[in-house]
C-alpha atoms as a PDB file:
ATOM      1  CA  UNK A   1       0.000   0.000   0.000  1.00  0.00           C
ATOM      2  CA  UNK A   2       2.873   2.386   0.792  1.00  0.00           C
ATOM      3  CA  UNK A   3       4.342   1.819  -2.674  1.00  0.00           C
ATOM      4  CA  UNK A   4       0.972   2.418  -4.316  1.00  0.00           C
ATOM      5  CA  UNK A   5       0.462   5.622  -2.373  1.00  0.00           C
ATOM      6  CA  UNK A   6       3.869   6.853  -3.382  1.00  0.00           C
ATOM      7  CA  UNK A   7       3.115   6.034  -7.011  1.00  0.00           C
ATOM      8  CA  UNK A   8      -0.217   7.840  -6.888  1.00  0.00           C
ATOM      9  CA  UNK A   9       1.468  10.783  -5.215  1.00  0.00           C
ATOM     10  CA  UNK A  10       4.108  10.928  -7.931  1.00  0.00           C
ATOM     11  CA  UNK A  11       1.424  10.814 -10.633  1.00  0.00           C
ATOM     12  CA  UNK A  12      -0.452  13.623  -8.928  1.00  0.00           C
ATOM     13  CA  UNK A  13       2.695  15.735  -8.707  1.00  0.00           C
ATOM     14  CA  UNK A  14       3.573  15.009 -12.328  1.00  0.00           C
ATOM     15  CA  UNK A  15       0.051  15.886 -13.418  1.00  0.00           C
ATOM     16  CA  UNK A  16       0.208  19.135 -11.505  1.00  0.00           C
ATOM     17  CA  UNK A  17       3.568  19.933 -13.089  1.00  0.00           C
ATOM     18  CA  UNK A  18       2.219  19.288 -16.581  1.00  0.00           C
ATOM     19  CA  UNK A  19      -0.804  21.442 -15.845  1.00  0.00           C
ATOM     20  CA  UNK A  20       1.377  24.241 -14.527  1.00  0.00           C
ATOM     21  CA  UNK A  21       3.638  24.000 -17.594  1.00  0.00           C
ATOM     22  CA  UNK A  22       0.621  24.125 -19.920  1.00  0.00           C
ATOM     23  CA  UNK A  23      -0.763  27.145 -18.074  1.00  0.00           C
ATOM     24  CA  UNK A  24       2.609  28.873 -18.242  1.00  0.00           C
ATOM     25  CA  UNK A  25       2.872  28.044 -21.938  1.00  0.00           C
ATOM     26  CA  UNK A  26      -0.556  29.476 -22.664  1.00  0.00           C
ATOM     27  CA  UNK A  27       0.279  32.613 -20.717  1.00  0.00           C
ATOM     28  CA  UNK A  28       3.508  32.952 -22.717  1.00  0.00           C
ATOM     29  CA  UNK A  29       1.576  32.560 -25.974  1.00  0.00           C
ATOM     30  CA  UNK A  30      -0.858  35.283 -24.920  1.00  0.00           C
ATOM     31  CA  UNK A  31       2.019  37.571 -23.987  1.00  0.00           C
ATOM     32  CA  UNK A  32       3.709  36.790 -27.289  1.00  0.00           C
ATOM     33  CA  UNK A  33       0.552  37.659 -29.185  1.00  0.00           C
ATOM     34  CA  UNK A  34       0.455  41.002 -27.447  1.00  0.00           C
ATOM     35  CA  UNK A  35       4.138  41.601 -28.116  1.00  0.00           C
ATOM     36  CA  UNK A  36       3.724  40.635 -31.782  1.00  0.00           C
ATOM     37  CA  UNK A  37       0.916  43.160 -32.171  1.00  0.00           C
ATOM     38  CA  UNK A  38       3.056  45.793 -30.475  1.00  0.00           C
ATOM     39  CA  UNK A  39       6.060  44.814 -32.604  1.00  0.00           C
ATOM     40  CA  UNK A  40       4.056  45.289 -35.816  1.00  0.00           C
ATOM     41  CA  UNK A  41       3.161  48.805 -34.723  1.00  0.00           C
ATOM     42  CA  UNK A  42       6.775  49.588 -33.846  1.00  0.00           C
ATOM     43  CA  UNK A  43       8.117  48.156 -37.109  1.00  0.00           C
ATOM     44  CA  UNK A  44       5.527  50.095 -39.102  1.00  0.00           C
ATOM     45  CA  UNK A  45       6.960  53.234 -37.531  1.00  0.00           C
ATOM     46  CA  UNK A  46      10.384  52.348 -38.983  1.00  0.00           C
ATOM     47  CA  UNK A  47       9.101  52.280 -42.585  1.00  0.00           C
ATOM     48  CA  UNK A  48       9.678  55.995 -43.299  1.00  0.00           C
ATOM     49  CA  UNK A  49      12.996  55.870 -41.421  1.00  0.00           C
ATOM     50  CA  UNK A  50      14.335  53.064 -43.616  1.00  0.00           C
ATOM     51  CA  UNK A  51      12.934  54.626 -46.770  1.00  0.00           C
ATOM     52  CA  UNK A  52      14.678  57.931 -46.064  1.00  0.00           C
ATOM     53  CA  UNK A  53      17.927  56.158 -45.188  1.00  0.00           C
ATOM     54  CA  UNK A  54      17.981  54.428 -48.563  1.00  0.00           C
ATOM     55  CA  UNK A  55      17.049  57.623 -50.420  1.00  0.00           C
ATOM     56  CA  UNK A  56      20.016  59.309 -48.778  1.00  0.00           C
ATOM     57  CA  UNK A  57      22.262  56.361 -49.681  1.00  0.00           C
ATOM     58  CA  UNK A  58      21.288  56.715 -53.337  1.00  0.00           C
ATOM     59  CA  UNK A  59      22.847  60.187 -53.396  1.00  0.00           C
ATOM     60  CA  UNK A  60      26.288  58.849 -52.402  1.00  0.00           C
ATOM     61  CA  UNK A  61      28.379  58.370 -55.529  1.00  0.00           C
ATOM     62  CA  UNK A  62      30.217  55.121 -56.194  1.00  0.00           C
ATOM     63  CA  UNK A  63      32.213  53.371 -58.900  1.00  0.00           C
ATOM     64  CA  UNK A  64      29.746  50.477 -58.869  1.00  0.00           C
ATOM     65  CA  UNK A  65      26.009  51.115 -59.101  1.00  0.00           C
ATOM     66  CA  UNK A  66      23.997  48.448 -57.277  1.00  0.00           C
ATOM     67  CA  UNK A  67      20.216  48.530 -57.737  1.00  0.00           C
ATOM     68  CA  UNK A  68      17.774  46.480 -55.661  1.00  0.00           C
ATOM     69  CA  UNK A  69      14.157  45.746 -56.584  1.00  0.00           C
ATOM     70  CA  UNK A  70      11.929  44.330 -53.872  1.00  0.00           C
ATOM     71  CA  UNK A  71       9.667  44.866 -50.883  1.00  0.00           C
ATOM     72  CA  UNK A  72      10.047  45.542 -47.146  1.00  0.00           C
ATOM     73  CA  UNK A  73      12.740  42.883 -46.837  1.00  0.00           C
ATOM     74  CA  UNK A  74      14.906  44.803 -49.297  1.00  0.00           C
ATOM     75  CA  UNK A  75      14.238  47.859 -47.140  1.00  0.00           C
ATOM     76  CA  UNK A  76      15.665  45.909 -44.191  1.00  0.00           C
ATOM     77  CA  UNK A  77      12.543  46.179 -42.031  1.00  0.00           C
ATOM     78  CA  UNK A  78      13.133  44.151 -38.864  1.00  0.00           C
ATOM     79  CA  UNK A  79      16.896  44.700 -38.861  1.00  0.00           C
ATOM     80  CA  UNK A  80      18.509  46.757 -36.104  1.00  0.00           C
ATOM     81  CA  UNK A  81      19.653  49.248 -38.773  1.00  0.00           C
ATOM     82  CA  UNK A  82      18.691  49.605 -42.463  1.00  0.00           C
ATOM     83  CA  UNK A  83      22.211  48.643 -43.589  1.00  0.00           C
ATOM     84  CA  UNK A  84      21.905  45.333 -41.695  1.00  0.00           C
ATOM     85  CA  UNK A  85      19.285  44.136 -44.162  1.00  0.00           C
ATOM     86  CA  UNK A  86      20.355  41.874 -47.019  1.00  0.00           C
ATOM     87  CA  UNK A  87      20.772  44.800 -49.466  1.00  0.00           C
ATOM     88  CA  UNK A  88      23.191  46.521 -47.091  1.00  0.00           C
ATOM     89  CA  UNK A  89      25.099  43.275 -46.553  1.00  0.00           C
ATOM     90  CA  UNK A  90      25.411  42.739 -50.316  1.00  0.00           C
ATOM     91  CA  UNK A  91      26.632  46.320 -50.782  1.00  0.00           C
ATOM     92  CA  UNK A  92      29.320  45.881 -48.110  1.00  0.00           C
ATOM     93  CA  UNK A  93      30.311  42.586 -49.721  1.00  0.00           C
ATOM     94  CA  UNK A  94      30.681  44.287 -53.109  1.00  0.00           C
ATOM     95  CA  UNK A  95      33.013  46.855 -51.549  1.00  0.00           C
ATOM     96  CA  UNK A  96      35.048  44.100 -49.919  1.00  0.00           C
ATOM     97  CA  UNK A  97      35.466  41.844 -52.974  1.00  0.00           C
ATOM     98  CA  UNK A  98      36.161  44.609 -55.490  1.00  0.00           C
ATOM     99  CA  UNK A  99      37.961  47.233 -53.407  1.00  0.00           C
ATOM    100  CA  UNK A 100      35.702  49.834 -55.034  1.00  0.00           C
ATOM    101  CA  UNK A 101      33.096  52.300 -53.810  1.00  0.00           C
ATOM    102  CA  UNK A 102      29.441  51.355 -54.293  1.00  0.00           C
ATOM    103  CA  UNK A 103      26.389  53.504 -54.870  1.00  0.00           C
ATOM    104  CA  UNK A 104      23.243  51.709 -53.685  1.00  0.00           C
ATOM    105  CA  UNK A 105      19.923  52.597 -55.296  1.00  0.00           C
ATOM    106  CA  UNK A 106      17.279  50.695 -53.361  1.00  0.00           C
ATOM    107  CA  UNK A 107      14.033  50.996 -55.322  1.00  0.00           C
ATOM    108  CA  UNK A 108      12.130  48.607 -53.068  1.00  0.00           C
ATOM    109  CA  UNK A 109       8.832  49.601 -51.478  1.00  0.00           C
ATOM    110  CA  UNK A 110       7.383  48.060 -48.325  1.00  0.00           C
ATOM    111  CA  UNK A 111       4.288  46.014 -49.096  1.00  0.00           C
ATOM    112  CA  UNK A 112       5.100  45.670 -52.792  1.00  0.00           C
ATOM    113  CA  UNK A 113       3.662  42.764 -54.747  1.00  0.00           C
ATOM    114  CA  UNK A 114       4.993  41.750 -58.166  1.00  0.00           C
ATOM    115  CA  UNK A 115       2.322  43.901 -59.816  1.00  0.00           C
ATOM    116  CA  UNK A 116       3.156  46.928 -57.689  1.00  0.00           C
ATOM    117  CA  UNK A 117       6.870  46.438 -58.313  1.00  0.00           C
ATOM    118  CA  UNK A 118       6.213  46.446 -62.052  1.00  0.00           C
ATOM    119  CA  UNK A 119       4.040  49.562 -61.828  1.00  0.00           C
ATOM    120  CA  UNK A 120       6.097  51.582 -59.357  1.00  0.00           C
ATOM    121  CA  UNK A 121       9.706  50.417 -59.413  1.00  0.00           C
ATOM    122  CA  UNK A 122      10.303  49.651 -63.088  1.00  0.00           C
ATOM    123  CA  UNK A 123       9.717  53.229 -64.348  1.00  0.00           C
ATOM    124  CA  UNK A 124      12.435  54.450 -61.964  1.00  0.00           C
ATOM    125  CA  UNK A 125      14.633  51.472 -62.813  1.00  0.00           C
ATOM    126  CA  UNK A 126      14.484  52.366 -66.527  1.00  0.00           C
ATOM    127  CA  UNK A 127      16.287  55.662 -65.824  1.00  0.00           C
ATOM    128  CA  UNK A 128      19.313  53.950 -64.255  1.00  0.00           C
ATOM    129  CA  UNK A 129      22.423  52.250 -65.603  1.00  0.00           C
ATOM    130  CA  UNK A 130      23.137  49.609 -62.957  1.00  0.00           C
ATOM    131  CA  UNK A 131      26.187  47.370 -62.756  1.00  0.00           C
ATOM    132  CA  UNK A 132      24.667  44.909 -60.275  1.00  0.00           C
ATOM    133  CA  UNK A 133      20.940  44.175 -59.934  1.00  0.00           C
ATOM    134  CA  UNK A 134      19.138  41.999 -57.396  1.00  0.00           C
ATOM    135  CA  UNK A 135      15.442  41.160 -57.504  1.00  0.00           C
ATOM    136  CA  UNK A 136      13.586  39.705 -54.537  1.00  0.00           C
ATOM    137  CA  UNK A 137       9.831  40.143 -54.864  1.00  0.00           C
ATOM    138  CA  UNK A 138       6.683  38.067 -54.452  1.00  0.00           C
ATOM    139  CA  UNK A 139       6.382  37.242 -50.748  1.00  0.00           C
ATOM    140  CA  UNK A 140       3.478  39.683 -50.389  1.00  0.00           C
ATOM    141  CA  UNK A 141       1.610  37.822 -53.144  1.00  0.00           C
ATOM    142  CA  UNK A 142       1.427  34.598 -51.136  1.00  0.00           C
ATOM    143  CA  UNK A 143      -1.548  35.408 -48.841  1.00  0.00           C
ATOM    144  CA  UNK A 144      -3.830  35.971 -51.868  1.00  0.00           C
ATOM    145  CA  UNK A 145      -1.836  34.019 -54.410  1.00  0.00           C
ATOM    146  CA  UNK A 146      -3.171  34.026 -57.962  1.00  0.00           C
ATOM    147  CA  UNK A 147      -1.025  32.075 -60.407  1.00  0.00           C
ATOM    148  CA  UNK A 148      -2.034  34.019 -63.508  1.00  0.00           C
ATOM    149  CA  UNK A 149      -1.447  37.514 -62.103  1.00  0.00           C
ATOM    150  CA  UNK A 150       1.750  36.394 -60.378  1.00  0.00           C
ATOM    151  CA  UNK A 151       3.172  35.098 -63.649  1.00  0.00           C
ATOM    152  CA  UNK A 152       2.217  38.298 -65.475  1.00  0.00           C
ATOM    153  CA  UNK A 153       3.897  40.458 -62.833  1.00  0.00           C
ATOM    154  CA  UNK A 154       7.061  38.374 -62.655  1.00  0.00           C
ATOM    155  CA  UNK A 155       7.313  38.284 -66.441  1.00  0.00           C
ATOM    156  CA  UNK A 156       7.093  42.075 -66.606  1.00  0.00           C
ATOM    157  CA  UNK A 157       9.717  42.574 -63.895  1.00  0.00           C
ATOM    158  CA  UNK A 158      12.155  40.070 -65.365  1.00  0.00           C
ATOM    159  CA  UNK A 159      11.732  41.481 -68.869  1.00  0.00           C
ATOM    160  CA  UNK A 160      13.038  44.835 -67.614  1.00  0.00           C
ATOM    161  CA  UNK A 161      16.237  43.723 -65.867  1.00  0.00           C
ATOM    162  CA  UNK A 162      19.648  43.170 -67.506  1.00  0.00           C
ATOM    163  CA  UNK A 163      20.878  39.737 -68.535  1.00  0.00           C
ATOM    164  CA  UNK A 164      23.175  39.456 -65.519  1.00  0.00           C
ATOM    165  CA  UNK A 165      20.544  40.363 -62.903  1.00  0.00           C
ATOM    166  CA  UNK A 166      20.381  38.040 -59.892  1.00  0.00           C
ATOM    167  CA  UNK A 167      16.877  36.831 -59.028  1.00  0.00           C
ATOM    168  CA  UNK A 168      15.861  35.279 -55.701  1.00  0.00           C
ATOM    169  CA  UNK A 169      13.087  32.741 -55.386  1.00  0.00           C
ATOM    170  CA  UNK A 170      10.467  33.136 -52.636  1.00  0.00           C
ATOM    171  CA  UNK A 171      11.404  32.783 -48.958  1.00  0.00           C
ATOM    172  CA  UNK A 172      10.533  29.783 -46.803  1.00  0.00           C
ATOM    173  CA  UNK A 173       7.111  30.233 -45.168  1.00  0.00           C
ATOM    174  CA  UNK A 174       7.310  27.150 -42.887  1.00  0.00           C
ATOM    175  CA  UNK A 175       3.559  26.427 -42.867  1.00  0.00           C
ATOM    176  CA  UNK A 176       2.589  23.672 -45.366  1.00  0.00           C
ATOM    177  CA  UNK A 177      -0.414  25.524 -46.832  1.00  0.00           C
ATOM    178  CA  UNK A 178       1.761  28.557 -47.533  1.00  0.00           C
ATOM    179  CA  UNK A 179       4.649  26.482 -48.848  1.00  0.00           C
ATOM    180  CA  UNK A 180       2.362  24.908 -51.439  1.00  0.00           C
ATOM    181  CA  UNK A 181       1.714  28.383 -52.840  1.00  0.00           C
ATOM    182  CA  UNK A 182       5.407  29.247 -52.524  1.00  0.00           C
ATOM    183  CA  UNK A 183       6.263  26.151 -54.577  1.00  0.00           C
ATOM    184  CA  UNK A 184       3.921  27.377 -57.342  1.00  0.00           C
ATOM    185  CA  UNK A 185       5.449  30.842 -57.217  1.00  0.00           C
ATOM    186  CA  UNK A 186       8.988  29.511 -57.335  1.00  0.00           C
ATOM    187  CA  UNK A 187       8.166  27.317 -60.299  1.00  0.00           C
ATOM    188  CA  UNK A 188       6.879  30.396 -62.125  1.00  0.00           C
ATOM    189  CA  UNK A 189       9.939  32.465 -61.191  1.00  0.00           C
ATOM    190  CA  UNK A 190      12.281  29.776 -62.526  1.00  0.00           C
ATOM    191  CA  UNK A 191      10.276  29.263 -65.716  1.00  0.00           C
ATOM    192  CA  UNK A 192      10.165  32.968 -66.496  1.00  0.00           C
ATOM    193  CA  UNK A 193      13.840  33.448 -65.586  1.00  0.00           C
ATOM    194  CA  UNK A 194      14.787  30.527 -67.820  1.00  0.00           C
ATOM    195  CA  UNK A 195      13.217  32.322 -70.789  1.00  0.00           C
ATOM    196  CA  UNK A 196      16.013  34.882 -70.487  1.00  0.00           C
ATOM    197  CA  UNK A 197      18.677  32.630 -68.956  1.00  0.00           C
ATOM    198  CA  UNK A 198      18.679  34.751 -65.788  1.00  0.00           C
ATOM    199  CA  UNK A 199      20.452  33.557 -62.652  1.00  0.00           C
ATOM    200  CA  UNK A 200      18.083  32.402 -59.894  1.00  0.00           C
ATOM    201  CA  UNK A 201      19.385  31.913 -56.350  1.00  0.00           C
ATOM    202  CA  UNK A 202      17.432  29.904 -53.792  1.00  0.00           C
ATOM    203  CA  UNK A 203      16.492  32.001 -50.800  1.00  0.00           C
ATOM    204  CA  UNK A 204      13.985  29.299 -49.915  1.00  0.00           C
ATOM    205  CA  UNK A 205      16.715  26.656 -49.625  1.00  0.00           C
ATOM    206  CA  UNK A 206      19.003  28.979 -47.646  1.00  0.00           C
ATOM    207  CA  UNK A 207      16.272  29.440 -45.027  1.00  0.00           C
ATOM    208  CA  UNK A 208      15.099  25.837 -45.116  1.00  0.00           C
ATOM    209  CA  UNK A 209      18.627  24.652 -44.339  1.00  0.00           C
ATOM    210  CA  UNK A 210      18.157  25.786 -40.728  1.00  0.00           C
ATOM    211  CA  UNK A 211      14.995  23.730 -40.264  1.00  0.00           C
ATOM    212  CA  UNK A 212      12.450  24.628 -37.602  1.00  0.00           C
ATOM    213  CA  UNK A 213      15.237  26.299 -35.594  1.00  0.00           C
ATOM    214  CA  UNK A 214      15.157  29.096 -38.155  1.00  0.00           C
ATOM    215  CA  UNK A 215      11.618  30.007 -37.096  1.00  0.00           C
ATOM    216  CA  UNK A 216      12.965  30.904 -33.653  1.00  0.00           C
ATOM    217  CA  UNK A 217      16.239  32.560 -34.678  1.00  0.00           C
ATOM    218  CA  UNK A 218      15.698  34.367 -37.990  1.00  0.00           C
ATOM    219  CA  UNK A 219      12.695  36.601 -37.350  1.00  0.00           C
ATOM    220  CA  UNK A 220      12.039  39.978 -35.785  1.00  0.00           C
ATOM    221  CA  UNK A 221       9.450  40.419 -33.037  1.00  0.00           C
ATOM    222  CA  UNK A 222       6.593  40.651 -35.540  1.00  0.00           C
ATOM    223  CA  UNK A 223       7.354  37.039 -36.575  1.00  0.00           C
ATOM    224  CA  UNK A 224       7.295  38.035 -40.248  1.00  0.00           C
ATOM    225  CA  UNK A 225      10.288  40.196 -41.135  1.00  0.00           C
ATOM    226  CA  UNK A 226      13.820  38.849 -40.683  1.00  0.00           C
ATOM    227  CA  UNK A 227      16.063  40.062 -37.869  1.00  0.00           C
ATOM    228  CA  UNK A 228      19.788  40.759 -38.288  1.00  0.00           C
ATOM    229  CA  UNK A 229      20.608  37.040 -38.273  1.00  0.00           C
ATOM    230  CA  UNK A 230      17.768  36.304 -40.680  1.00  0.00           C
ATOM    231  CA  UNK A 231      19.041  38.911 -43.117  1.00  0.00           C
ATOM    232  CA  UNK A 232      22.499  37.346 -43.024  1.00  0.00           C
ATOM    233  CA  UNK A 233      20.832  34.093 -44.054  1.00  0.00           C
ATOM    234  CA  UNK A 234      19.011  35.916 -46.868  1.00  0.00           C
ATOM    235  CA  UNK A 235      22.261  37.527 -48.021  1.00  0.00           C
ATOM    236  CA  UNK A 236      23.991  34.130 -48.023  1.00  0.00           C
ATOM    237  CA  UNK A 237      21.660  33.049 -50.838  1.00  0.00           C
ATOM    238  CA  UNK A 238      22.852  35.957 -53.012  1.00  0.00           C
ATOM    239  CA  UNK A 239      26.537  36.251 -52.160  1.00  0.00           C
ATOM    240  CA  UNK A 240      28.036  33.420 -54.266  1.00  0.00           C
ATOM    241  CA  UNK A 241      26.369  34.761 -57.435  1.00  0.00           C
ATOM    242  CA  UNK A 242      27.118  38.374 -56.465  1.00  0.00           C
ATOM    243  CA  UNK A 243      30.784  37.515 -55.878  1.00  0.00           C
ATOM    244  CA  UNK A 244      31.142  35.747 -59.222  1.00  0.00           C
ATOM    245  CA  UNK A 245      29.510  38.604 -61.125  1.00  0.00           C
ATOM    246  CA  UNK A 246      31.403  41.344 -59.287  1.00  0.00           C
ATOM    247  CA  UNK A 247      34.781  39.696 -59.830  1.00  0.00           C
ATOM    248  CA  UNK A 248      34.043  39.211 -63.527  1.00  0.00           C
ATOM    249  CA  UNK A 249      32.983  42.824 -64.050  1.00  0.00           C
ATOM    250  CA  UNK A 250      35.254  44.551 -61.535  1.00  0.00           C
ATOM    251  CA  UNK A 251      38.587  42.779 -60.948  1.00  0.00           C
ATOM    252  CA  UNK A 252      39.825  43.715 -57.509  1.00  0.00           C
ATOM    253  CA  UNK A 253      42.054  46.766 -57.590  1.00  0.00           C
ATOM    254  CA  UNK A 254      45.503  46.103 -56.055  1.00  0.00           C
ATOM    255  CA  UNK A 255      45.952  47.885 -52.718  1.00  0.00           C
ATOM    256  CA  UNK A 256      49.039  49.741 -53.941  1.00  0.00           C
ATOM    257  CA  UNK A 257      47.209  50.906 -57.059  1.00  0.00           C
ATOM    258  CA  UNK A 258      44.237  52.055 -55.007  1.00  0.00           C
ATOM    259  CA  UNK A 259      46.520  53.953 -52.623  1.00  0.00           C
ATOM    260  CA  UNK A 260      48.377  55.532 -55.542  1.00  0.00           C
ATOM    261  CA  UNK A 261      45.074  56.567 -57.128  1.00  0.00           C
ATOM    262  CA  UNK A 262      43.927  58.091 -53.841  1.00  0.00           C
ATOM    263  CA  UNK A 263      47.217  59.994 -53.473  1.00  0.00           C
ATOM    264  CA  UNK A 264      47.020  61.268 -57.037  1.00  0.00           C
ATOM    265  CA  UNK A 265      43.486  62.463 -56.433  1.00  0.00           C
ATOM    266  CA  UNK A 266      44.629  64.210 -53.262  1.00  0.00           C
ATOM    267  CA  UNK A 267      47.509  65.931 -55.054  1.00  0.00           C
ATOM    268  CA  UNK A 268      45.199  67.019 -57.867  1.00  0.00           C
ATOM    269  CA  UNK A 269      42.781  68.501 -55.361  1.00  0.00           C
ATOM    270  CA  UNK A 270      45.618  70.251 -53.532  1.00  0.00           C
ATOM    271  CA  UNK A 271      46.846  71.709 -56.811  1.00  0.00           C
END
């Protein structure tokens, strides 16, 4: 009887512990929901800040002109600073691998779909002469995905970019019902890109590589936009293709030559 009582007591304690853990988990979920709602408000307040930062960046001259087409992810929403988004990381990488200055023209608009990118970003894109172009658009089409309109928008965007533009497929959405739509979108992106032999890099695979752990480590507090770590993962999808293209178009300038050029410029200015 003593053994049975002890067993029943242990079961009761274990049951109480499970109940307490479930209650604590539910409370945490409720708090998280509140914090997510608050985070969305706070991140929305950063939209004009990021937009202005990139407009200012576009006025800085550089030997290489890098143009980005995209949505809020290209704006770096969710990152601790605009330059910590994937576009900023790519720009810094271009400077590092070429030894040259880079002008970044970020045409992206938060909330853009493929249709909005075609209508709003392409007219501005047509006035530029970019050396490096990245395109990452379509995530905002997933909630109300329509295959026909998505294909039309992607076709229009891809028809406007140069032959060496680097195109990303759609990010990993984790949830199966969203991923089914993402798979359709990515098939369309690859089919349309293949028509022009454009390079497609797999953002989806770069995110998927981290498995479910990525859901807890790659996102900002709104659980939608990437955080600094998430943007490094996004950039990792682009960097091999960016490196290959940059090195082909802009062989790295020897340090001595760069220093000599800088000195010559300084002497010319002094004169």
